[in-house]
Amino acid sequence: MGSEQLLKLLEQVEWISIIQKIIVALFILFISYILMRLRIKVIDRIFEVTKMDHNKERSMASMLMSLTRYIIYIIAVLLMLRQFDVDITPIIAGAGVLGLAIGFGAQSLVKDVITGFFIMFEDQFHVGDFVQINGEVTGTIEEIGLRMTTIREWSGKKFYIPNSEIRTVRNYNREELRAIVTVTFPYDEDPVKIRELLEDVCHQIEHDFRDQFLQDRQGNLIEPPQVYGVSDIDQNEKGGQFTIIAKTKPEALWTVEKMLKEYIWRNSYEKGIKIAYPRRIFQQVEDKAMQPDVN
């Protein structure tokens, strides 16, 4: 190729048009960035004037954040494609893209989005709730998105669970919870003394942690700590099992159960009442047939 032909080829390239398209594309990216930041303030301002439950507000805000993020991304991509002379009409119509997406296995993505909306509108859980998902992951909900839900365990580990994979939810933040603590005492301990011990524990816990229990409008405890009674007498042949119950505030369940166990241990130690533990009793039996005849 000669130098004259090369010059003609360079002249045919619309450099100015290409530069303009690049500048417009960069401007679209800049506007998208501004909108991403602005949407946070707008959504926060919207929920400042609502009278929803705080956790529900956070959940709705999380979902709106996720939804608006995808909308801004999609619009920005479409506008940039249009700048580079890509026909976006079929894309907007959606027929071609939808068929292509389903063909590549995007059914799971559709399921994630649909399930995300059901989770939100069925009020299964909110941001800030302490939950157990599928009996496997237990932690605090940090974000509810269109595609996935984010949970942080007590250890700090973070889990990203696709919404369509959420099958069972155990929510520990639903109005009222019942603390249930069981303890087993050996058979040779006096059941009367054990009940007296546990009743003392209930009175101490009620006095020291009264604000952790559910109360009515008059300030009375709805279900104060109490000895439910003997719930099992064949607990792995270790002894009799006693149970203590009490209705607590959702956020206080773990504290109440933990302190009940500590108070039981402390009081039983002070009063000399043993808590059951695995043990074996060997009894030696003499065989008379093996004894010598002294007559």
Protein backbone atom coordinates (compact mmCIF):
# COMPACT_ATOMS: atom_id res chain seq x y z
CA MET A 1 0.00 0.00 0.00
CA GLY A 2 1.48 3.35 -1.07
CA SER A 3 1.72 6.48 1.02
CA GLU A 4 -0.99 8.20 -1.01
CA GLN A 5 -3.44 5.37 -0.41
CA LEU A 6 -2.63 5.44 3.31
CA LEU A 7 -3.36 9.15 3.50
CA LYS A 8 -6.67 8.68 1.72
CA LEU A 9 -7.59 5.92 4.18
CA LEU A 10 -6.83 8.14 7.14
CA GLU A 11 -8.91 10.91 5.64
CA GLN A 12 -11.87 8.59 5.34
CA VAL A 13 -11.85 7.86 9.06
CA GLU A 14 -14.11 10.26 10.89
CA TRP A 15 -11.78 11.04 13.74
CA ILE A 16 -13.81 13.96 14.96
CA SER A 17 -16.97 11.87 15.11
CA ILE A 18 -15.19 9.12 17.04
CA ILE A 19 -13.81 11.60 19.55
CA GLN A 20 -17.24 13.12 20.01
CA LYS A 21 -18.76 9.70 20.66
CA ILE A 22 -16.10 8.91 23.24
CA ILE A 23 -16.68 12.24 24.97
CA VAL A 24 -20.44 11.65 25.06
CA ALA A 25 -19.90 8.12 26.42
CA LEU A 26 -17.67 9.49 29.18
CA PHE A 27 -20.29 12.13 29.94
CA ILE A 28 -22.93 9.39 30.24
CA LEU A 29 -20.70 7.55 32.70
CA PHE A 30 -20.22 10.74 34.70
CA ILE A 31 -23.98 11.42 34.84
CA SER A 32 -24.56 7.80 35.87
CA TYR A 33 -22.09 8.21 38.72
CA ILE A 34 -23.87 11.38 39.87
CA LEU A 35 -27.24 9.63 39.72
CA MET A 36 -25.88 6.69 41.71
CA ARG A 37 -24.81 9.07 44.47
CA LEU A 38 -27.96 11.19 44.24
CA ARG A 39 -30.31 8.21 44.52
CA ILE A 40 -28.94 7.45 48.00
CA LYS A 41 -29.89 10.90 49.29
CA VAL A 42 -33.30 10.80 47.58
CA ILE A 43 -34.20 7.39 49.01
CA ASP A 44 -33.00 8.38 52.47
CA ARG A 45 -35.08 11.57 52.28
CA ILE A 46 -38.17 9.61 51.22
CA PHE A 47 -37.99 7.30 54.23
CA GLU A 48 -37.31 10.18 56.62
CA VAL A 49 -40.94 11.29 56.23
CA THR A 50 -42.49 7.81 56.42
CA LYS A 51 -43.79 6.21 59.61
CA MET A 52 -42.74 2.63 58.89
CA ASP A 53 -40.95 0.34 61.27
CA HIS A 54 -37.23 1.20 61.25
CA ASN A 55 -36.09 -2.24 60.08
CA LYS A 56 -38.77 -2.32 57.39
CA GLU A 57 -37.62 1.09 56.17
CA ARG A 58 -34.06 -0.22 55.90
CA SER A 59 -35.26 -3.26 53.97
CA MET A 60 -37.33 -1.20 51.52
CA ALA A 61 -34.44 1.21 51.09
CA SER A 62 -32.08 -1.70 50.41
CA MET A 63 -34.41 -3.08 47.74
CA LEU A 64 -34.86 0.34 46.12
CA MET A 65 -31.10 0.88 46.13
CA SER A 66 -30.63 -2.40 44.30
CA LEU A 67 -33.46 -1.72 41.84
CA THR A 68 -32.33 1.81 40.96
CA ARG A 69 -28.73 0.64 40.59
CA TYR A 70 -29.72 -1.87 37.92
CA ILE A 71 -31.96 0.68 36.17
CA ILE A 72 -29.16 3.26 36.00
CA TYR A 73 -26.66 0.67 34.75
CA ILE A 74 -29.00 -0.60 32.02
CA ILE A 75 -29.95 2.87 30.79
CA ALA A 76 -26.31 3.97 30.75
CA VAL A 77 -25.26 0.92 28.71
CA LEU A 78 -28.11 1.43 26.23
CA LEU A 79 -27.26 5.11 25.75
CA MET A 80 -23.59 4.34 25.17
CA LEU A 81 -24.45 1.63 22.66
CA ARG A 82 -26.63 4.11 20.83
CA GLN A 83 -23.74 6.57 20.65
CA PHE A 84 -21.71 3.96 18.79
CA ASP A 85 -24.49 3.40 16.23
CA VAL A 86 -25.82 0.20 17.77
CA ASP A 87 -29.53 -0.29 17.10
CA ILE A 88 -31.06 -0.59 20.57
CA THR A 89 -34.67 -0.95 19.39
CA PRO A 90 -34.64 -4.77 19.53
CA ILE A 91 -33.02 -4.59 22.94
CA ILE A 92 -35.69 -2.26 24.28
CA ALA A 93 -38.37 -4.47 22.78
CA GLY A 94 -36.78 -7.22 24.81
CA ALA A 95 -37.79 -10.16 22.68
CA GLY A 96 -34.36 -10.98 21.37
CA VAL A 97 -32.52 -10.35 24.61
CA LEU A 98 -35.05 -12.25 26.71
CA GLY A 99 -34.87 -15.27 24.45
CA LEU A 100 -31.08 -15.14 24.47
CA ALA A 101 -30.97 -14.78 28.23
CA ILE A 102 -33.28 -17.73 28.82
CA GLY A 103 -31.30 -19.74 26.30
CA PHE A 104 -28.13 -19.14 28.33
CA GLY A 105 -29.77 -20.26 31.56
CA ALA A 106 -30.91 -16.95 33.02
CA GLN A 107 -33.93 -18.64 34.54
CA SER A 108 -32.12 -18.57 37.88
CA LEU A 109 -31.66 -14.80 37.58
CA VAL A 110 -35.38 -14.35 36.95
CA LYS A 111 -36.15 -16.59 39.95
CA ASP A 112 -33.80 -14.54 42.14
CA VAL A 113 -35.55 -11.28 41.24
CA ILE A 114 -39.07 -12.67 41.66
CA THR A 115 -38.18 -14.28 44.99
CA GLY A 116 -36.62 -11.03 46.15
CA PHE A 117 -39.91 -9.21 45.62
CA PHE A 118 -41.84 -11.95 47.44
CA ILE A 119 -39.43 -11.77 50.39
CA MET A 120 -39.97 -8.03 50.62
CA PHE A 121 -43.74 -7.90 50.24
CA GLU A 122 -44.43 -10.99 52.36
CA ASP A 123 -42.43 -9.36 55.14
CA GLN A 124 -40.34 -12.48 55.76
CA PHE A 125 -37.40 -10.55 57.21
CA HIS A 126 -35.90 -7.07 57.30
CA VAL A 127 -32.46 -5.55 57.26
CA GLY A 128 -31.09 -5.90 60.79
CA ASP A 129 -33.05 -9.07 61.62
CA PHE A 130 -31.20 -12.02 63.12
CA VAL A 131 -32.18 -15.07 61.07
CA GLN A 132 -31.25 -18.60 60.15
CA ILE A 133 -31.43 -19.46 56.45
CA ASN A 134 -32.07 -23.03 55.31
CA GLY A 135 -30.89 -24.30 58.69
CA GLU A 136 -27.30 -23.56 57.67
CA VAL A 137 -26.40 -19.86 57.83
CA THR A 138 -27.22 -17.86 60.97
CA GLY A 139 -26.55 -14.14 61.21
CA THR A 140 -27.78 -10.58 60.72
CA ILE A 141 -29.38 -9.41 57.47
CA GLU A 142 -27.22 -6.62 56.02
CA GLU A 143 -28.80 -6.15 52.60
CA ILE A 144 -31.81 -7.39 50.66
CA GLY A 145 -31.15 -6.99 46.95
CA LEU A 146 -32.97 -7.93 43.78
CA ARG A 147 -30.67 -10.90 43.18
CA MET A 148 -29.31 -11.89 46.55
CA THR A 149 -29.51 -11.37 50.29
CA THR A 150 -26.41 -10.59 52.33
CA ILE A 151 -25.98 -12.07 55.82
CA ARG A 152 -23.14 -11.53 58.27
CA GLU A 153 -22.46 -14.21 60.86
CA TRP A 154 -21.60 -13.41 64.47
CA SER A 155 -18.00 -14.38 63.67
CA GLY A 156 -17.92 -11.65 61.00
CA LYS A 157 -18.12 -13.91 57.96
CA LYS A 158 -20.29 -12.53 55.17
CA PHE A 159 -22.59 -14.73 53.08
CA TYR A 160 -24.19 -13.85 49.74
CA ILE A 161 -27.25 -16.05 49.20
CA PRO A 162 -29.20 -15.95 45.90
CA ASN A 163 -32.82 -15.19 46.71
CA SER A 164 -34.11 -18.22 44.81
CA GLU A 165 -32.09 -20.53 47.11
CA ILE A 166 -33.78 -19.24 50.28
CA ARG A 167 -36.21 -22.01 51.20
CA THR A 168 -36.72 -21.82 54.97
CA VAL A 169 -36.24 -18.81 57.24
CA ARG A 170 -36.11 -18.84 61.02
CA ASN A 171 -36.55 -15.23 62.14
CA TYR A 172 -35.50 -14.31 65.69
CA ASN A 173 -36.85 -10.75 65.47
CA ARG A 174 -40.62 -11.20 65.48
CA GLU A 175 -42.23 -9.26 68.35
CA GLU A 176 -41.75 -11.86 71.08
CA LEU A 177 -39.54 -14.87 71.69
CA ARG A 178 -39.53 -17.48 74.40
CA ALA A 179 -36.25 -18.31 76.08
CA ILE A 180 -36.11 -22.05 76.78
CA VAL A 181 -33.29 -23.42 78.92
CA THR A 182 -33.04 -27.07 79.90
CA VAL A 183 -30.71 -28.57 82.49
CA THR A 184 -30.31 -32.18 83.60
CA PHE A 185 -29.68 -33.26 87.19
CA PRO A 186 -28.65 -36.78 88.27
CA TYR A 187 -31.26 -39.13 89.68
CA ASP A 188 -29.69 -39.11 93.14
CA GLU A 189 -30.42 -35.37 93.62
CA ASP A 190 -33.58 -34.31 95.48
CA PRO A 191 -36.18 -32.98 92.97
CA VAL A 192 -37.65 -30.68 95.65
CA LYS A 193 -34.29 -29.01 96.25
CA ILE A 194 -33.71 -28.76 92.51
CA ARG A 195 -37.01 -26.92 92.01
CA GLU A 196 -36.17 -24.55 94.88
CA LEU A 197 -32.78 -23.91 93.26
CA LEU A 198 -34.30 -23.13 89.86
CA GLU A 199 -37.01 -20.91 91.34
CA ASP A 200 -34.29 -18.89 93.08
CA VAL A 201 -32.52 -18.57 89.73
CA CYS A 202 -35.74 -17.30 88.11
CA HIS A 203 -36.19 -14.64 90.80
CA GLN A 204 -32.57 -13.50 90.44
CA ILE A 205 -32.77 -13.28 86.65
CA GLU A 206 -36.06 -11.39 86.82
CA HIS A 207 -34.54 -8.89 89.26
CA ASP A 208 -31.22 -8.41 87.42
CA PHE A 209 -32.52 -8.38 83.83
CA ARG A 210 -36.11 -7.18 84.12
CA ASP A 211 -35.78 -4.80 81.17
CA GLN A 212 -34.93 -7.73 78.87
CA PHE A 213 -38.36 -9.36 79.26
CA LEU A 214 -41.62 -8.54 77.50
CA GLN A 215 -43.87 -6.22 79.50
CA ASP A 216 -47.44 -5.02 79.12
CA ARG A 217 -48.48 -1.37 79.22
CA GLN A 218 -48.58 -1.41 83.02
CA GLY A 219 -45.00 -2.67 83.20
CA ASN A 220 -45.90 -6.20 84.27
CA LEU A 221 -43.95 -9.08 82.77
CA ILE A 222 -46.06 -10.99 80.26
CA GLU A 223 -44.32 -14.27 81.02
CA PRO A 224 -41.69 -13.93 83.76
CA PRO A 225 -38.94 -16.54 84.20
CA GLN A 226 -40.53 -19.67 85.63
CA VAL A 227 -39.83 -23.34 86.16
CA TYR A 228 -41.82 -25.22 83.54
CA GLY A 229 -41.12 -28.47 85.35
CA VAL A 230 -39.62 -31.85 84.59
CA SER A 231 -39.55 -32.22 80.81
CA ASP A 232 -37.66 -35.52 80.60
CA ILE A 233 -36.60 -38.27 83.01
CA ASP A 234 -34.67 -40.39 80.54
CA GLN A 235 -32.16 -37.91 79.15
CA ASN A 236 -29.56 -40.41 77.91
CA GLU A 237 -29.93 -42.12 81.29
CA LYS A 238 -28.10 -39.21 82.93
CA GLY A 239 -30.99 -37.94 85.07
CA GLY A 240 -34.09 -35.79 85.10
CA GLN A 241 -34.34 -32.76 82.83
CA PHE A 242 -35.86 -29.50 84.11
CA THR A 243 -36.91 -26.61 81.86
CA ILE A 244 -37.10 -22.86 82.51
CA ILE A 245 -39.09 -20.58 80.19
CA ALA A 246 -39.62 -16.82 79.81
CA LYS A 247 -40.82 -14.44 77.09
CA THR A 248 -38.14 -11.96 76.09
CA LYS A 249 -37.67 -9.08 73.72
CA PRO A 250 -36.31 -10.32 70.37
CA GLU A 251 -32.89 -8.77 70.84
CA ALA A 252 -32.55 -10.14 74.38
CA LEU A 253 -33.12 -13.86 73.70
CA TRP A 254 -29.46 -14.86 73.65
CA THR A 255 -28.59 -12.73 76.68
CA VAL A 256 -31.38 -14.20 78.79
CA GLU A 257 -30.60 -17.80 77.84
CA LYS A 258 -26.89 -17.27 78.43
CA MET A 259 -27.41 -15.69 81.86
CA LEU A 260 -29.94 -18.35 82.89
CA LYS A 261 -27.36 -21.05 82.23
CA GLU A 262 -24.69 -19.14 84.12
CA TYR A 263 -26.95 -18.52 87.12
CA ILE A 264 -27.98 -22.19 87.22
CA TRP A 265 -24.37 -23.31 87.23
CA ARG A 266 -23.35 -20.76 89.84
CA ASN A 267 -26.25 -21.48 92.21
CA SER A 268 -25.98 -25.25 91.89
CA TYR A 269 -22.27 -25.04 92.73
CA GLU A 270 -22.93 -22.84 95.76
CA LYS A 271 -25.68 -25.16 97.07
CA GLY A 272 -23.82 -28.37 96.39
CA ILE A 273 -26.30 -29.69 93.83
CA LYS A 274 -24.60 -31.47 90.97
CA ILE A 275 -25.50 -31.03 87.32
CA ALA A 276 -25.64 -34.30 85.39
CA TYR A 277 -22.73 -35.37 83.24
CA PRO A 278 -21.90 -38.65 81.47
CA ARG A 279 -20.71 -41.27 83.94
CA ARG A 280 -20.71 -45.02 84.40
CA ILE A 281 -21.36 -47.07 87.51
CA PHE A 282 -19.63 -50.43 87.78
CA GLN A 283 -21.00 -52.98 90.23
CA GLN A 284 -18.97 -56.03 91.08
CA VAL A 285 -21.00 -59.23 91.43
CA GLU A 286 -19.39 -62.26 93.05
CA ASP A 287 -20.06 -65.60 91.44
CA LYS A 288 -20.83 -68.13 94.20
CA ALA A 289 -19.91 -70.98 91.90
CA MET A 290 -16.35 -69.69 91.79
CA GLN A 291 -16.01 -69.44 95.60
CA PRO A 292 -14.06 -72.28 97.30
CA ASP A 293 -15.91 -74.68 99.59
CA VAL A 294 -14.45 -74.21 103.07
CA ASN A 295 -16.47 -77.06 104.63
